């Protein structure tokens, strides 16, 4: 790809910081390039096994890549006890892309108390925008879901209203 060896790439990924482990990252082979509060850039290289009958990368694969990087950009702003769940995702396919190295960027547009809004792009091999996306992510907390509050008769607070 770009001449980096596996050791350098692994070191770079470790130095990026406390993002959430994700099986889809491993499945797609997503590599993080940079992480800042509210923003993440990454790349992945879909092979022929991810293409459709037209020889272009299947839209669902591109959606998975964008969903992952937009979500991970949100995790850069959350506490370790917070979790995100996709409520809505919208993609606009501006051009078809073939197998090969693709870049992507996810960034938080707004973080509320219960919902986080993010957007992102997938870049083609030439660096042009091929797909644009936006998402709404529900913020929940492991602590809120499992905490037993006084006066609740031992019932767990599920974080609901």
Protein backbone atom coordinates (compact mmCIF):
# COMPACT_ATOMS: atom_id res chain seq x y z
CA UNK A 1 0.00 0.00 0.00
CA UNK A 2 2.08 2.96 1.22
CA UNK A 3 5.27 1.27 2.39
CA UNK A 4 4.50 1.03 6.12
CA UNK A 5 5.34 -2.26 7.72
CA UNK A 6 3.02 -4.07 10.11
CA UNK A 7 4.97 -3.07 13.24
CA UNK A 8 4.81 0.64 12.40
CA UNK A 9 1.10 0.37 11.59
CA UNK A 10 0.33 -1.45 14.87
CA UNK A 11 2.30 1.16 16.84
CA UNK A 12 0.39 3.99 15.16
CA UNK A 13 -2.96 2.34 15.95
CA UNK A 14 -1.99 1.91 19.63
CA UNK A 15 -0.94 5.56 19.90
CA UNK A 16 -4.26 6.83 18.56
CA UNK A 17 -5.94 6.49 21.92
CA UNK A 18 -8.86 4.89 23.69
CA UNK A 19 -11.31 4.05 20.91
CA UNK A 20 -13.75 1.17 21.29
CA UNK A 21 -12.74 -2.30 20.12
CA UNK A 22 -14.92 -3.33 17.21
CA UNK A 23 -15.16 -6.64 15.34
CA UNK A 24 -16.23 -4.81 12.15
CA UNK A 25 -12.94 -2.92 12.22
CA UNK A 26 -11.10 -6.23 12.12
CA UNK A 27 -13.41 -7.71 9.48
CA UNK A 28 -13.00 -4.77 7.12
CA UNK A 29 -9.34 -4.17 8.00
CA UNK A 30 -9.95 -0.53 8.93
CA UNK A 31 -6.78 1.37 9.86
CA UNK A 32 -7.01 4.58 11.88
CA UNK A 33 -4.86 7.41 10.55
CA UNK A 34 -5.67 10.23 12.99
CA UNK A 35 -7.96 10.88 15.90
CA UNK A 36 -8.84 14.19 17.49
CA UNK A 37 -11.75 15.05 19.78
CA UNK A 38 -14.83 14.68 17.58
CA UNK A 39 -12.95 13.64 14.42
CA UNK A 40 -11.42 10.44 13.04
CA UNK A 41 -9.75 9.63 9.72
CA UNK A 42 -9.22 6.09 8.55
CA UNK A 43 -8.61 3.92 5.52
CA UNK A 44 -9.50 0.46 4.34
CA UNK A 45 -8.84 -1.55 1.24
CA UNK A 46 -11.87 -3.52 0.05
CA UNK A 47 -10.93 -6.40 -2.22
CA UNK A 48 -12.88 -8.04 -5.02
CA UNK A 49 -14.86 -10.06 -2.46
CA UNK A 50 -16.63 -6.81 -1.49
CA UNK A 51 -17.73 -5.89 -5.01
CA UNK A 52 -21.07 -6.36 -6.72
CA UNK A 53 -21.90 -7.67 -10.21
CA UNK A 54 -20.85 -4.30 -11.68
CA UNK A 55 -17.34 -4.64 -10.24
CA UNK A 56 -17.80 -1.77 -7.77
CA UNK A 57 -17.72 -1.92 -3.97
CA UNK A 58 -21.15 -2.87 -2.67
CA UNK A 59 -22.96 0.05 -0.99
CA UNK A 60 -23.55 -1.85 2.25
CA UNK A 61 -19.79 -2.26 2.73
CA UNK A 62 -19.29 1.48 2.29
CA UNK A 63 -22.17 2.07 4.73
CA UNK A 64 -20.48 -0.19 7.31
CA UNK A 65 -17.21 1.72 6.92
CA UNK A 66 -18.95 5.09 7.36
CA UNK A 67 -21.10 3.86 10.25
CA UNK A 68 -17.95 2.71 12.03
CA UNK A 69 -15.89 5.87 11.56
CA UNK A 70 -18.77 8.24 12.33
CA UNK A 71 -19.50 6.26 15.51
CA UNK A 72 -15.87 6.15 16.56
CA UNK A 73 -15.60 9.92 16.08
CA UNK A 74 -18.42 10.18 18.63
CA UNK A 75 -16.67 7.89 21.12
CA UNK A 76 -13.79 10.38 21.27
CA UNK A 77 -16.15 12.71 23.18
CA UNK A 78 -17.76 10.18 25.54
CA UNK A 79 -16.87 8.66 28.88
CA UNK A 80 -15.84 4.99 29.06
CA UNK A 81 -19.29 4.10 30.46
CA UNK A 82 -21.17 5.61 27.50
CA UNK A 83 -22.36 3.59 24.50
CA UNK A 84 -23.67 4.64 21.08
CA UNK A 85 -26.41 2.98 19.05
CA UNK A 86 -27.24 4.04 15.51
CA UNK A 87 -30.77 5.44 15.37
CA UNK A 88 -30.65 6.65 11.77
CA UNK A 89 -28.08 6.69 8.99
CA UNK A 90 -28.31 8.33 5.58
CA UNK A 91 -25.87 7.99 2.69
CA UNK A 92 -25.54 9.74 -0.64
CA UNK A 93 -23.53 7.81 -3.21
CA UNK A 94 -21.89 10.42 -5.43
CA UNK A 95 -19.89 7.94 -7.51
CA UNK A 96 -19.17 4.25 -7.68
CA UNK A 97 -15.81 3.07 -6.38
CA UNK A 98 -13.83 0.01 -7.29
CA UNK A 99 -11.80 -2.27 -5.07
CA UNK A 100 -8.66 -0.66 -3.67
CA UNK A 101 -7.51 1.74 -0.98
CA UNK A 102 -10.24 4.13 0.22
CA UNK A 103 -10.07 6.86 2.83
CA UNK A 104 -12.72 8.15 5.17
CA UNK A 105 -13.42 10.82 7.73
CA UNK A 106 -16.05 10.94 10.47
CA UNK A 107 -16.78 13.99 12.60
CA UNK A 108 -19.24 15.02 15.26
CA UNK A 109 -21.60 17.81 14.26
CA UNK A 110 -23.34 18.11 17.66
CA UNK A 111 -23.34 16.19 20.91
CA UNK A 112 -26.45 16.48 23.02
CA UNK A 113 -27.33 14.79 26.32
CA UNK A 114 -28.97 11.77 24.66
CA UNK A 115 -28.27 12.06 20.93
CA UNK A 116 -25.06 12.66 19.00
CA UNK A 117 -25.08 13.81 15.36
CA UNK A 118 -22.17 12.99 13.07
CA UNK A 119 -21.31 13.11 9.40
CA UNK A 120 -18.64 11.61 7.22
CA UNK A 121 -17.23 10.96 3.78
CA UNK A 122 -15.60 8.12 1.89
CA UNK A 123 -12.82 9.25 -0.44
CA UNK A 124 -11.94 7.48 -3.69
CA UNK A 125 -8.37 6.55 -4.65
CA UNK A 126 -7.82 10.02 -6.14
CA UNK A 127 -8.99 11.75 -2.92
CA UNK A 128 -12.38 12.88 -4.23
CA UNK A 129 -15.57 12.44 -2.22
CA UNK A 130 -17.41 9.30 -3.36
CA UNK A 131 -19.95 8.91 -0.52
CA UNK A 132 -21.35 11.38 2.01
CA UNK A 133 -23.20 10.27 5.10
CA UNK A 134 -24.85 11.49 8.27
CA UNK A 135 -26.08 9.69 11.35
CA UNK A 136 -27.96 10.13 14.61
CA UNK A 137 -26.60 8.07 17.50
CA UNK A 138 -28.36 7.39 20.80
CA UNK A 139 -26.12 7.87 23.84
CA UNK A 140 -26.70 5.43 26.69
CA UNK A 141 -24.64 4.71 29.79
CA UNK A 142 -23.75 1.37 31.31
CA UNK A 143 -23.88 3.04 34.74
CA UNK A 144 -27.40 4.41 34.14
CA UNK A 145 -28.65 1.02 32.98
CA UNK A 146 -27.24 -0.97 35.88
CA UNK A 147 -27.27 1.41 38.83
CA UNK A 148 -29.67 0.62 41.70
CA UNK A 149 -31.04 3.90 42.96
CA UNK A 150 -32.19 4.55 46.52
CA UNK A 151 -35.96 4.44 46.91
CA UNK A 152 -36.44 2.13 43.92
CA UNK A 153 -36.99 -1.00 46.03
CA UNK A 154 -33.87 -2.65 44.60
CA UNK A 155 -35.01 -2.18 40.99
CA UNK A 156 -32.40 -1.22 38.44
CA UNK A 157 -32.59 2.14 36.73
CA UNK A 158 -32.72 1.40 33.00
CA UNK A 159 -31.87 5.00 32.05
CA UNK A 160 -35.36 5.62 30.65
CA UNK A 161 -37.65 8.52 31.45
